[in-house]
Amino acid sequence: MKAYKLFRKRKDGTLGPLFINRNQVIPLGQWLEAEKHPTKGFAYRPGWHCAVEPRADHLKTNLRSGEKRVWCEVRVINYTEYKRPAIQGGTWILANHMEVVRELD
């Protein structure tokens, strides 16, 4: 299934998760299995958190800190749908496996 995911774009051009396991480097074109990282202050929802469209109004793409975030098209398998408010992108996809296809322009 095609989905979309928001990533941190580091100064060296690599992609990484927004909040959980922030040091991980996410490569393009490689299937990744979701890891479990329970984190204080965050609901425990294991899996790659993706959206059905590249939209999550509650998350900014350019932060005051200088951090940049980019939407990427991804492919997911072994996923469940998770209903969220429209401002949080509506339906989330929590996937056990994800491949980053490309960065959106």
Protein backbone atom coordinates (compact mmCIF):
# COMPACT_ATOMS: atom_id res chain seq x y z
CA MET A 1 0.00 0.00 0.00
CA LYS A 2 1.22 3.52 -0.75
CA ALA A 3 1.34 5.85 2.27
CA TYR A 4 3.21 8.97 3.42
CA LYS A 5 5.55 9.62 6.32
CA LEU A 6 7.07 12.78 7.74
CA PHE A 7 10.79 12.58 8.54
CA ARG A 8 13.49 14.85 9.94
CA LYS A 9 15.90 15.89 7.20
CA ARG A 10 19.34 16.29 8.71
CA LYS A 11 21.95 18.75 7.48
CA ASP A 12 23.89 15.85 5.91
CA GLY A 13 20.78 14.94 3.88
CA THR A 14 19.88 11.75 5.77
CA LEU A 15 16.37 11.08 6.98
CA GLY A 16 15.43 10.21 10.54
CA PRO A 17 12.40 9.74 12.79
CA LEU A 18 10.73 12.81 14.30
CA PHE A 19 10.51 11.74 17.94
CA ILE A 20 11.26 8.09 18.79
CA ASN A 21 14.76 6.63 18.17
CA ARG A 22 15.89 9.93 16.62
CA ASN A 23 19.43 8.71 15.84
CA GLN A 24 18.21 6.08 13.38
CA VAL A 25 19.12 6.72 9.73
CA ILE A 26 16.30 5.81 7.35
CA PRO A 27 17.58 4.69 3.93
CA LEU A 28 15.64 4.94 0.66
CA GLY A 29 14.67 1.78 -1.20
CA GLN A 30 15.18 -0.65 1.66
CA TRP A 31 12.46 -2.51 3.54
CA LEU A 32 12.64 -1.80 7.28
CA GLU A 33 10.97 -3.71 10.06
CA ALA A 34 9.42 -1.62 12.82
CA GLU A 35 11.23 -1.72 16.14
CA LYS A 36 9.69 -1.30 19.57
CA HIS A 37 10.94 1.68 21.57
CA PRO A 38 8.66 2.46 24.54
CA THR A 39 9.32 6.13 25.34
CA LYS A 40 8.21 8.08 28.40
CA GLY A 41 5.67 10.74 27.50
CA PHE A 42 4.51 8.97 24.32
CA ALA A 43 1.64 6.53 23.85
CA TYR A 44 2.90 3.04 23.10
CA ARG A 45 1.85 2.40 19.50
CA PRO A 46 4.53 0.20 17.90
CA GLY A 47 4.98 0.38 14.15
CA TRP A 48 5.92 2.90 11.51
CA HIS A 49 3.44 5.78 11.80
CA CYS A 50 2.33 6.81 8.33
CA ALA A 51 -0.58 8.70 6.82
CA VAL A 52 -2.91 8.06 3.90
CA GLU A 53 -2.07 11.50 2.53
CA PRO A 54 0.91 13.82 3.17
CA ARG A 55 -0.85 15.94 5.77
CA ALA A 56 -0.65 16.33 9.54
CA ASP A 57 -1.63 19.87 10.46
CA HIS A 58 -0.41 19.47 14.05
CA LEU A 59 3.21 18.95 12.88
CA LYS A 60 5.32 21.75 11.41
CA THR A 61 7.85 21.23 8.63
CA ASN A 62 10.18 24.16 9.46
CA LEU A 63 10.94 24.56 13.15
CA ARG A 64 12.44 27.59 14.88
CA SER A 65 15.40 25.41 15.85
CA GLY A 66 16.26 25.13 12.15
CA GLU A 67 15.14 21.51 11.94
CA LYS A 68 13.58 20.64 8.59
CA ARG A 69 10.97 17.97 8.06
CA VAL A 70 10.01 16.41 4.75
CA TRP A 71 7.19 14.21 3.55
CA CYS A 72 8.13 11.00 1.80
CA GLU A 73 6.14 8.50 -0.18
CA VAL A 74 6.49 5.08 1.40
CA ARG A 75 5.22 1.56 0.79
CA VAL A 76 3.89 -0.39 3.75
CA ILE A 77 2.89 -3.98 4.41
CA ASN A 78 1.51 -5.74 7.48
CA TYR A 79 -0.29 -2.66 8.75
CA THR A 80 -3.32 -1.64 10.77
CA GLU A 81 -5.35 1.52 10.50
CA TYR A 82 -5.68 3.79 13.52
CA LYS A 83 -8.34 6.51 13.62
CA ARG A 84 -7.15 9.96 14.71
CA PRO A 85 -8.67 13.46 14.59
CA ALA A 86 -8.59 15.21 11.18
CA ILE A 87 -6.05 17.77 12.47
CA GLN A 88 -3.69 14.85 13.12
CA GLY A 89 -4.05 13.59 9.58
CA GLY A 90 -7.17 11.46 10.07
CA THR A 91 -6.40 7.79 9.57
CA TRP A 92 -2.91 6.71 10.57
CA ILE A 93 -1.28 3.61 9.19
CA LEU A 94 0.78 1.68 11.75
CA ALA A 95 2.97 -0.60 9.67
CA ASN A 96 5.23 -3.46 10.64
CA HIS A 97 7.27 -3.01 7.45
CA MET A 98 8.01 0.14 5.44
CA GLU A 99 10.11 1.13 2.43
CA VAL A 100 10.83 4.80 1.65
CA VAL A 101 10.22 5.30 -2.07
CA ARG A 102 11.01 8.99 -2.52
CA GLU A 103 11.04 12.40 -0.93
CA LEU A 104 8.17 14.60 -2.06
CA ASP A 105 8.95 17.95 -3.69
